[in-house]
Amino acid sequence: MAASVLNKIEYLVLMVAAFASRTNVSEALAYRYLSQYGALALCDKHYGIMHTLSLEENIETLQAYCQRKAAESESRESSLAMPSESRLDEVKGGKL
């Protein structure tokens, strides 16, 4: 296996372990969380830059990224599940 691939794998493993430690969760849970919100794909895509930054800065970035993705996901789910009251008023008033 090429050294660049091994370096990237080691980096991703380090990020998962550091994230788990910072958030006080198991590494398995940290992996699932980071994977669910696309943070590991982000690390893979931007490895060339991210591996040059501090571990602390990267963990903060991943945490903020996942929180944004989670909020977007919740927002999307709630808008699909139930229209807002103002949206319901528009429908009832025949504006739509």
PDB file of N, CA and C in Angstrom:
ATOM      1  N   MET A   1       0.850  -1.169   0.000  1.00  0.00           N
ATOM      2  CA  MET A   1       0.000   0.000   0.000  1.00  0.00           C
ATOM      3  C   MET A   1       0.899   1.237   0.000  1.00  0.00           C
ATOM      4  N   ALA A   2       0.509   2.242  -0.746  1.00  0.00           N
ATOM      5  CA  ALA A   2       1.313   3.454  -0.869  1.00  0.00           C
ATOM      6  C   ALA A   2       1.391   4.190   0.468  1.00  0.00           C
ATOM      7  N   ALA A   3       2.512   4.855   0.672  1.00  0.00           N
ATOM      8  CA  ALA A   3       2.728   5.588   1.920  1.00  0.00           C
ATOM      9  C   ALA A   3       1.684   6.682   2.102  1.00  0.00           C
ATOM     10  N   SER A   4       1.258   7.324   1.018  1.00  0.00           N
ATOM     11  CA  SER A   4       0.265   8.399   1.139  1.00  0.00           C
ATOM     12  C   SER A   4      -1.072   7.859   1.638  1.00  0.00           C
ATOM     13  N   VAL A   5      -1.437   6.665   1.205  1.00  0.00           N
ATOM     14  CA  VAL A   5      -2.679   6.045   1.668  1.00  0.00           C
ATOM     15  C   VAL A   5      -2.568   5.690   3.146  1.00  0.00           C
ATOM     16  N   LEU A   6      -1.439   5.131   3.548  1.00  0.00           N
ATOM     17  CA  LEU A   6      -1.230   4.795   4.958  1.00  0.00           C
ATOM     18  C   LEU A   6      -1.247   6.045   5.833  1.00  0.00           C
ATOM     19  N   ASN A   7      -0.654   7.118   5.352  1.00  0.00           N
ATOM     20  CA  ASN A   7      -0.650   8.375   6.107  1.00  0.00           C
ATOM     21  C   ASN A   7      -2.076   8.884   6.307  1.00  0.00           C
ATOM     22  N   LYS A   8      -2.882   8.806   5.265  1.00  0.00           N
ATOM     23  CA  LYS A   8      -4.259   9.280   5.348  1.00  0.00           C
ATOM     24  C   LYS A   8      -5.067   8.408   6.308  1.00  0.00           C
ATOM     25  N   ILE A   9      -4.857   7.101   6.263  1.00  0.00           N
ATOM     26  CA  ILE A   9      -5.560   6.190   7.171  1.00  0.00           C
ATOM     27  C   ILE A   9      -5.179   6.493   8.614  1.00  0.00           C
ATOM     28  N   GLU A  10      -3.897   6.666   8.874  1.00  0.00           N
ATOM     29  CA  GLU A  10      -3.443   6.995  10.224  1.00  0.00           C
ATOM     30  C   GLU A  10      -4.052   8.312  10.698  1.00  0.00           C
ATOM     31  N   TYR A  11      -4.124   9.273   9.799  1.00  0.00           N
ATOM     32  CA  TYR A  11      -4.705  10.573  10.130  1.00  0.00           C
ATOM     33  C   TYR A  11      -6.182  10.431  10.489  1.00  0.00           C
ATOM     34  N   LEU A  12      -6.935   9.677   9.699  1.00  0.00           N
ATOM     35  CA  LEU A  12      -8.363   9.490   9.977  1.00  0.00           C
ATOM     36  C   LEU A  12      -8.577   8.767  11.301  1.00  0.00           C
ATOM     37  N   VAL A  13      -7.758   7.773  11.578  1.00  0.00           N
ATOM     38  CA  VAL A  13      -7.853   7.047  12.853  1.00  0.00           C
ATOM     39  C   VAL A  13      -7.543   7.997  14.013  1.00  0.00           C
ATOM     40  N   LEU A  14      -6.530   8.831  13.838  1.00  0.00           N
ATOM     41  CA  LEU A  14      -6.179   9.814  14.859  1.00  0.00           C
ATOM     42  C   LEU A  14      -7.334  10.786  15.098  1.00  0.00           C
ATOM     43  N   MET A  15      -7.968  11.249  14.034  1.00  0.00           N
ATOM     44  CA  MET A  15      -9.072  12.199  14.167  1.00  0.00           C
ATOM     45  C   MET A  15     -10.240  11.581  14.927  1.00  0.00           C
ATOM     46  N   VAL A  16     -10.572  10.340  14.615  1.00  0.00           N
ATOM     47  CA  VAL A  16     -11.669   9.652  15.314  1.00  0.00           C
ATOM     48  C   VAL A  16     -11.326   9.496  16.792  1.00  0.00           C
ATOM     49  N   ALA A  17     -10.107   9.058  17.098  1.00  0.00           N
ATOM     50  CA  ALA A  17      -9.692   8.859  18.488  1.00  0.00           C
ATOM     51  C   ALA A  17      -9.684  10.180  19.256  1.00  0.00           C
ATOM     52  N   ALA A  18      -9.178  11.235  18.637  1.00  0.00           N
ATOM     53  CA  ALA A  18      -9.121  12.538  19.299  1.00  0.00           C
ATOM     54  C   ALA A  18     -10.527  13.099  19.501  1.00  0.00           C
ATOM     55  N   PHE A  19     -11.394  12.927  18.519  1.00  0.00           N
ATOM     56  CA  PHE A  19     -12.774  13.385  18.643  1.00  0.00           C
ATOM     57  C   PHE A  19     -13.475  12.639  19.767  1.00  0.00           C
ATOM     58  N   ALA A  20     -13.263  11.339  19.839  1.00  0.00           N
ATOM     59  CA  ALA A  20     -13.867  10.523  20.903  1.00  0.00           C
ATOM     60  C   ALA A  20     -13.388  10.991  22.271  1.00  0.00           C
ATOM     61  N   SER A  21     -12.114  11.246  22.383  1.00  0.00           N
ATOM     62  CA  SER A  21     -11.546  11.695  23.646  1.00  0.00           C
ATOM     63  C   SER A  21     -12.104  13.061  24.046  1.00  0.00           C
ATOM     64  N   ARG A  22     -12.173  13.965  23.106  1.00  0.00           N
ATOM     65  CA  ARG A  22     -12.657  15.326  23.387  1.00  0.00           C
ATOM     66  C   ARG A  22     -14.134  15.338  23.792  1.00  0.00           C
ATOM     67  N   THR A  23     -14.929  14.467  23.175  1.00  0.00           N
ATOM     68  CA  THR A  23     -16.374  14.463  23.443  1.00  0.00           C
ATOM     69  C   THR A  23     -16.788  13.409  24.469  1.00  0.00           C
ATOM     70  N   ASN A  24     -15.814  12.701  25.007  1.00  0.00           N
ATOM     71  CA  ASN A  24     -16.062  11.671  26.026  1.00  0.00           C
ATOM     72  C   ASN A  24     -17.039  10.596  25.568  1.00  0.00           C
ATOM     73  N   VAL A  25     -16.837  10.100  24.345  1.00  0.00           N
ATOM     74  CA  VAL A  25     -17.619   8.986  23.825  1.00  0.00           C
ATOM     75  C   VAL A  25     -16.656   7.907  23.354  1.00  0.00           C
ATOM     76  N   SER A  26     -17.181   6.731  23.060  1.00  0.00           N
ATOM     77  CA  SER A  26     -16.333   5.656  22.566  1.00  0.00           C
ATOM     78  C   SER A  26     -15.860   5.985  21.144  1.00  0.00           C
ATOM     79  N   GLU A  27     -14.789   5.370  20.749  1.00  0.00           N
ATOM     80  CA  GLU A  27     -14.281   5.585  19.389  1.00  0.00           C
ATOM     81  C   GLU A  27     -15.286   5.084  18.352  1.00  0.00           C
ATOM     82  N   ALA A  28     -15.986   4.010  18.662  1.00  0.00           N
ATOM     83  CA  ALA A  28     -17.000   3.494  17.735  1.00  0.00           C
ATOM     84  C   ALA A  28     -18.120   4.513  17.539  1.00  0.00           C
ATOM     85  N   LEU A  29     -18.573   5.114  18.629  1.00  0.00           N
ATOM     86  CA  LEU A  29     -19.625   6.119  18.533  1.00  0.00           C
ATOM     87  C   LEU A  29     -19.126   7.368  17.801  1.00  0.00           C
ATOM     88  N   ALA A  30     -17.906   7.773  18.082  1.00  0.00           N
ATOM     89  CA  ALA A  30     -17.319   8.930  17.393  1.00  0.00           C
ATOM     90  C   ALA A  30     -17.231   8.653  15.894  1.00  0.00           C
ATOM     91  N   TYR A  31     -16.806   7.453  15.535  1.00  0.00           N
ATOM     92  CA  TYR A  31     -16.723   7.085  14.120  1.00  0.00           C
ATOM     93  C   TYR A  31     -18.089   7.173  13.455  1.00  0.00           C
ATOM     94  N   ARG A  32     -19.115   6.607  14.087  1.00  0.00           N
ATOM     95  CA  ARG A  32     -20.466   6.636  13.503  1.00  0.00           C
ATOM     96  C   ARG A  32     -20.974   8.068  13.346  1.00  0.00           C
ATOM     97  N   TYR A  33     -20.742   8.894  14.350  1.00  0.00           N
ATOM     98  CA  TYR A  33     -21.185  10.288  14.318  1.00  0.00           C
ATOM     99  C   TYR A  33     -20.476  11.057  13.202  1.00  0.00           C
ATOM    100  N   LEU A  34     -19.159  10.950  13.150  1.00  0.00           N
ATOM    101  CA  LEU A  34     -18.390  11.655  12.123  1.00  0.00           C
ATOM    102  C   LEU A  34     -18.738  11.159  10.724  1.00  0.00           C
ATOM    103  N   SER A  35     -18.977   9.883  10.611  1.00  0.00           N
ATOM    104  CA  SER A  35     -19.355   9.312   9.322  1.00  0.00           C
ATOM    105  C   SER A  35     -20.753   9.745   8.909  1.00  0.00           C
ATOM    106  N   GLN A  36     -21.686   9.734   9.855  1.00  0.00           N
ATOM    107  CA  GLN A  36     -23.081  10.083   9.576  1.00  0.00           C
ATOM    108  C   GLN A  36     -23.211  11.481   8.987  1.00  0.00           C
ATOM    109  N   TYR A  37     -22.435  12.413   9.493  1.00  0.00           N
ATOM    110  CA  TYR A  37     -22.552  13.797   9.042  1.00  0.00           C
ATOM    111  C   TYR A  37     -21.493  14.195   8.008  1.00  0.00           C
ATOM    112  N   GLY A  38     -20.760  13.233   7.487  1.00  0.00           N
ATOM    113  CA  GLY A  38     -19.839  13.495   6.390  1.00  0.00           C
ATOM    114  C   GLY A  38     -18.503  14.089   6.782  1.00  0.00           C
ATOM    115  N   ALA A  39     -18.195  14.098   8.072  1.00  0.00           N
ATOM    116  CA  ALA A  39     -16.945  14.695   8.518  1.00  0.00           C
ATOM    117  C   ALA A  39     -15.731  13.881   8.085  1.00  0.00           C
ATOM    118  N   LEU A  40     -15.866  12.565   8.037  1.00  0.00           N
ATOM    119  CA  LEU A  40     -14.733  11.748   7.599  1.00  0.00           C
ATOM    120  C   LEU A  40     -14.462  11.947   6.114  1.00  0.00           C
ATOM    121  N   ALA A  41     -15.521  12.095   5.339  1.00  0.00           N
ATOM    122  CA  ALA A  41     -15.348  12.391   3.909  1.00  0.00           C
ATOM    123  C   ALA A  41     -14.691  13.755   3.734  1.00  0.00           C
ATOM    124  N   LEU A  42     -15.048  14.701   4.599  1.00  0.00           N
ATOM    125  CA  LEU A  42     -14.431  16.024   4.564  1.00  0.00           C
ATOM    126  C   LEU A  42     -12.936  15.917   4.859  1.00  0.00           C
ATOM    127  N   CYS A  43     -12.577  15.124   5.861  1.00  0.00           N
ATOM    128  CA  CYS A  43     -11.163  14.912   6.199  1.00  0.00           C
ATOM    129  C   CYS A  43     -10.414  14.261   5.046  1.00  0.00           C
ATOM    130  N   ASP A  44     -11.045  13.299   4.419  1.00  0.00           N
ATOM    131  CA  ASP A  44     -10.429  12.614   3.286  1.00  0.00           C
ATOM    132  C   ASP A  44     -10.201  13.594   2.128  1.00  0.00           C
ATOM    133  N   LYS A  45     -11.224  14.372   1.832  1.00  0.00           N
ATOM    134  CA  LYS A  45     -11.149  15.304   0.707  1.00  0.00           C
ATOM    135  C   LYS A  45     -10.106  16.401   0.935  1.00  0.00           C
ATOM    136  N   HIS A  46     -10.030  16.908   2.166  1.00  0.00           N
ATOM    137  CA  HIS A  46      -9.152  18.040   2.461  1.00  0.00           C
ATOM    138  C   HIS A  46      -7.938  17.644   3.294  1.00  0.00           C
ATOM    139  N   TYR A  47      -7.547  16.392   3.190  1.00  0.00           N
ATOM    140  CA  TYR A  47      -6.403  15.881   3.947  1.00  0.00           C
ATOM    141  C   TYR A  47      -5.162  16.735   3.726  1.00  0.00           C
ATOM    142  N   GLY A  48      -4.926  17.141   2.496  1.00  0.00           N
ATOM    143  CA  GLY A  48      -3.723  17.909   2.162  1.00  0.00           C
ATOM    144  C   GLY A  48      -3.565  19.166   2.992  1.00  0.00           C
ATOM    145  N   ILE A  49      -4.656  19.782   3.365  1.00  0.00           N
ATOM    146  CA  ILE A  49      -4.613  20.985   4.197  1.00  0.00           C
ATOM    147  C   ILE A  49      -4.759  20.629   5.675  1.00  0.00           C
ATOM    148  N   MET A  50      -5.741  19.795   5.974  1.00  0.00           N
ATOM    149  CA  MET A  50      -6.070  19.526   7.373  1.00  0.00           C
ATOM    150  C   MET A  50      -4.922  18.909   8.155  1.00  0.00           C
ATOM    151  N   HIS A  51      -4.133  18.056   7.524  1.00  0.00           N
ATOM    152  CA  HIS A  51      -3.071  17.403   8.292  1.00  0.00           C
ATOM    153  C   HIS A  51      -1.958  18.373   8.680  1.00  0.00           C
ATOM    154  N   THR A  52      -1.974  19.574   8.099  1.00  0.00           N
ATOM    155  CA  THR A  52      -0.959  20.565   8.458  1.00  0.00           C
ATOM    156  C   THR A  52      -1.420  21.464   9.616  1.00  0.00           C
ATOM    157  N   LEU A  53      -2.701  21.372   9.972  1.00  0.00           N
ATOM    158  CA  LEU A  53      -3.253  22.194  11.050  1.00  0.00           C
ATOM    159  C   LEU A  53      -3.165  21.455  12.377  1.00  0.00           C
ATOM    160  N   SER A  54      -3.386  22.171  13.461  1.00  0.00           N
ATOM    161  CA  SER A  54      -3.315  21.539  14.776  1.00  0.00           C
ATOM    162  C   SER A  54      -4.482  20.574  14.975  1.00  0.00           C
ATOM    163  N   LEU A  55      -4.243  19.584  15.791  1.00  0.00           N
ATOM    164  CA  LEU A  55      -5.276  18.598  16.096  1.00  0.00           C
ATOM    165  C   LEU A  55      -6.476  19.281  16.739  1.00  0.00           C
ATOM    166  N   GLU A  56      -6.217  20.202  17.651  1.00  0.00           N
ATOM    167  CA  GLU A  56      -7.292  20.919  18.341  1.00  0.00           C
ATOM    168  C   GLU A  56      -8.151  21.703  17.347  1.00  0.00           C
ATOM    169  N   GLU A  57      -7.520  22.388  16.423  1.00  0.00           N
ATOM    170  CA  GLU A  57      -8.258  23.162  15.416  1.00  0.00           C
ATOM    171  C   GLU A  57      -9.116  22.249  14.536  1.00  0.00           C
ATOM    172  N   ASN A  58      -8.565  21.118  14.155  1.00  0.00           N
ATOM    173  CA  ASN A  58      -9.317  20.176  13.332  1.00  0.00           C
ATOM    174  C   ASN A  58     -10.507  19.586  14.079  1.00  0.00           C
ATOM    175  N   ILE A  59     -10.334  19.270  15.346  1.00  0.00           N
ATOM    176  CA  ILE A  59     -11.436  18.714  16.131  1.00  0.00           C
ATOM    177  C   ILE A  59     -12.547  19.749  16.262  1.00  0.00           C
ATOM    178  N   GLU A  60     -12.189  20.998  16.539  1.00  0.00           N
ATOM    179  CA  GLU A  60     -13.194  22.061  16.634  1.00  0.00           C
ATOM    180  C   GLU A  60     -13.931  22.232  15.301  1.00  0.00           C
ATOM    181  N   THR A  61     -13.193  22.158  14.210  1.00  0.00           N
ATOM    182  CA  THR A  61     -13.794  22.279  12.885  1.00  0.00           C
ATOM    183  C   THR A  61     -14.767  21.137  12.628  1.00  0.00           C
ATOM    184  N   LEU A  62     -14.370  19.919  12.938  1.00  0.00           N
ATOM    185  CA  LEU A  62     -15.237  18.764  12.728  1.00  0.00           C
ATOM    186  C   LEU A  62     -16.485  18.837  13.601  1.00  0.00           C
ATOM    187  N   GLN A  63     -16.315  19.290  14.832  1.00  0.00           N
ATOM    188  CA  GLN A  63     -17.456  19.408  15.728  1.00  0.00           C
ATOM    189  C   GLN A  63     -18.458  20.430  15.174  1.00  0.00           C
ATOM    190  N   ALA A  64     -17.967  21.572  14.747  1.00  0.00           N
ATOM    191  CA  ALA A  64     -18.848  22.610  14.182  1.00  0.00           C
ATOM    192  C   ALA A  64     -19.498  22.127  12.893  1.00  0.00           C
ATOM    193  N   TYR A  65     -18.743  21.425  12.060  1.00  0.00           N
ATOM    194  CA  TYR A  65     -19.267  20.902  10.790  1.00  0.00           C
ATOM    195  C   TYR A  65     -20.410  19.923  11.050  1.00  0.00           C
ATOM    196  N   CYS A  66     -20.204  19.007  11.979  1.00  0.00           N
ATOM    197  CA  CYS A  66     -21.238  18.016  12.292  1.00  0.00           C
ATOM    198  C   CYS A  66     -22.472  18.678  12.892  1.00  0.00           C
ATOM    199  N   GLN A  67     -22.271  19.667  13.742  1.00  0.00           N
ATOM    200  CA  GLN A  67     -23.408  20.365  14.331  1.00  0.00           C
ATOM    201  C   GLN A  67     -24.221  21.083  13.256  1.00  0.00           C
ATOM    202  N   ARG A  68     -23.536  21.710  12.282  1.00  0.00           N
ATOM    203  CA  ARG A  68     -24.247  22.369  11.174  1.00  0.00           C
ATOM    204  C   ARG A  68     -25.024  21.358  10.356  1.00  0.00           C
ATOM    205  N   LYS A  69     -24.388  20.236  10.039  1.00  0.00           N
ATOM    206  CA  LYS A  69     -25.053  19.193   9.252  1.00  0.00           C
ATOM    207  C   LYS A  69     -26.245  18.609  10.004  1.00  0.00           C
ATOM    208  N   ALA A  70     -26.115  18.432  11.303  1.00  0.00           N
ATOM    209  CA  ALA A  70     -27.218  17.905  12.108  1.00  0.00           C
ATOM    210  C   ALA A  70     -28.379  18.893  12.114  1.00  0.00           C
ATOM    211  N   ALA A  71     -28.070  20.182  12.258  1.00  0.00           N
ATOM    212  CA  ALA A  71     -29.126  21.204  12.253  1.00  0.00           C
ATOM    213  C   ALA A  71     -29.811  21.264  10.894  1.00  0.00           C
ATOM    214  N   GLU A  72     -29.030  21.167   9.816  1.00  0.00           N
ATOM    215  CA  GLU A  72     -29.614  21.158   8.470  1.00  0.00           C
ATOM    216  C   GLU A  72     -30.515  19.954   8.292  1.00  0.00           C
ATOM    217  N   SER A  73     -30.083  18.819   8.794  1.00  0.00           N
ATOM    218  CA  SER A  73     -30.858  17.591   8.681  1.00  0.00           C
ATOM    219  C   SER A  73     -32.172  17.702   9.457  1.00  0.00           C
ATOM    220  N   GLU A  74     -32.097  18.243  10.676  1.00  0.00           N
ATOM    221  CA  GLU A  74     -33.306  18.423  11.481  1.00  0.00           C
ATOM    222  C   GLU A  74     -34.254  19.408  10.812  1.00  0.00           C
ATOM    223  N   SER A  75     -33.703  20.469  10.266  1.00  0.00           N
ATOM    224  CA  SER A  75     -34.511  21.485   9.604  1.00  0.00           C
ATOM    225  C   SER A  75     -35.224  20.890   8.388  1.00  0.00           C
ATOM    226  N   ARG A  76     -34.482  20.120   7.614  1.00  0.00           N
ATOM    227  CA  ARG A  76     -35.043  19.490   6.421  1.00  0.00           C
ATOM    228  C   ARG A  76     -36.132  18.494   6.802  1.00  0.00           C
ATOM    229  N   GLU A  77     -35.881  17.707   7.848  1.00  0.00           N
ATOM    230  CA  GLU A  77     -36.865  16.714   8.293  1.00  0.00           C
ATOM    231  C   GLU A  77     -38.117  17.381   8.823  1.00  0.00           C
ATOM    232  N   SER A  78     -37.956  18.452   9.581  1.00  0.00           N
ATOM    233  CA  SER A  78     -39.138  19.105  10.155  1.00  0.00           C
ATOM    234  C   SER A  78     -39.942  19.816   9.078  1.00  0.00           C
ATOM    235  N   SER A  79     -39.288  20.347   8.067  1.00  0.00           N
ATOM    236  CA  SER A  79     -40.037  21.022   7.000  1.00  0.00           C
ATOM    237  C   SER A  79     -40.785  20.008   6.129  1.00  0.00           C
ATOM    238  N   LEU A  80     -40.259  18.817   6.040  1.00  0.00           N
ATOM    239  CA  LEU A  80     -40.948  17.779   5.278  1.00  0.00           C
ATOM    240  C   LEU A  80     -42.065  17.148   6.094  1.00  0.00           C
ATOM    241  N   ALA A  81     -41.849  17.055   7.404  1.00  0.00           N
ATOM    242  CA  ALA A  81     -42.816  16.371   8.254  1.00  0.00           C
ATOM    243  C   ALA A  81     -44.051  17.215   8.530  1.00  0.00           C
ATOM    244  N   MET A  82     -43.876  18.477   8.803  1.00  0.00           N
ATOM    245  CA  MET A  82     -45.007  19.308   9.193  1.00  0.00           C
ATOM    246  C   MET A  82     -44.751  20.740   8.755  1.00  0.00           C
ATOM    247  N   PRO A  83     -45.598  21.307   7.950  1.00  0.00           N
ATOM    248  CA  PRO A  83     -45.409  22.697   7.547  1.00  0.00           C
ATOM    249  C   PRO A  83     -45.500  23.629   8.755  1.00  0.00           C
ATOM    250  N   SER A  84     -44.824  24.759   8.663  1.00  0.00           N
ATOM    251  CA  SER A  84     -44.883  25.731   9.749  1.00  0.00           C
ATOM    252  C   SER A  84     -46.284  26.321   9.830  1.00  0.00           C
ATOM    253  N   GLU A  85     -46.587  26.962  10.949  1.00  0.00           N
ATOM    254  CA  GLU A  85     -47.910  27.556  11.127  1.00  0.00           C
ATOM    255  C   GLU A  85     -48.187  28.600  10.061  1.00  0.00           C
ATOM    256  N   SER A  86     -47.203  29.419   9.738  1.00  0.00           N
ATOM    257  CA  SER A  86     -47.429  30.442   8.719  1.00  0.00           C
ATOM    258  C   SER A  86     -47.700  29.790   7.365  1.00  0.00           C
ATOM    259  N   ARG A  87     -47.045  28.707   7.111  1.00  0.00           N
ATOM    260  CA  ARG A  87     -47.268  27.974   5.866  1.00  0.00           C
ATOM    261  C   ARG A  87     -48.682  27.389   5.861  1.00  0.00           C
ATOM    262  N   LEU A  88     -49.139  26.884   7.004  1.00  0.00           N
ATOM    263  CA  LEU A  88     -50.487  26.343   7.101  1.00  0.00           C
ATOM    264  C   LEU A  88     -51.526  27.441   6.883  1.00  0.00           C
ATOM    265  N   ASP A  89     -51.261  28.637   7.437  1.00  0.00           N
ATOM    266  CA  ASP A  89     -52.171  29.764   7.251  1.00  0.00           C
ATOM    267  C   ASP A  89     -52.288  30.135   5.776  1.00  0.00           C
ATOM    268  N   GLU A  90     -51.171  30.077   5.048  1.00  0.00           N
ATOM    269  CA  GLU A  90     -51.178  30.381   3.630  1.00  0.00           C
ATOM    270  C   GLU A  90     -52.036  29.367   2.881  1.00  0.00           C
ATOM    271  N   VAL A  91     -51.892  28.111   3.255  1.00  0.00           N
ATOM    272  CA  VAL A  91     -52.663  27.050   2.590  1.00  0.00           C
ATOM    273  C   VAL A  91     -54.149  27.226   2.899  1.00  0.00           C
ATOM    274  N   LYS A  92     -54.493  27.480   4.153  1.00  0.00           N
ATOM    275  CA  LYS A  92     -55.891  27.643   4.546  1.00  0.00           C
ATOM    276  C   LYS A  92     -56.507  28.884   3.882  1.00  0.00           C
ATOM    277  N   GLY A  93     -55.710  29.948   3.740  1.00  0.00           N
ATOM    278  CA  GLY A  93     -56.207  31.182   3.166  1.00  0.00           C
ATOM    279  C   GLY A  93     -56.251  31.157   1.662  1.00  0.00           C
ATOM    280  N   GLY A  94     -55.845  30.077   1.055  1.00  0.00           N
ATOM    281  CA  GLY A  94     -55.879  29.945  -0.394  1.00  0.00           C
ATOM    282  C   GLY A  94     -54.777  30.684  -1.117  1.00  0.00           C
ATOM    283  N   LYS A  95     -53.718  31.050  -0.420  1.00  0.00           N
ATOM    284  CA  LYS A  95     -52.625  31.773  -1.058  1.00  0.00           C
ATOM    285  C   LYS A  95     -51.732  30.847  -1.865  1.00  0.00           C
ATOM    286  N   LEU A  96     -51.805  29.564  -1.609  1.00  0.00           N
ATOM    287  CA  LEU A  96     -50.962  28.626  -2.365  1.00  0.00           C
ATOM    288  C   LEU A  96     -51.742  27.893  -3.405  1.00  0.00           C
TER     289      LEU A  96
END
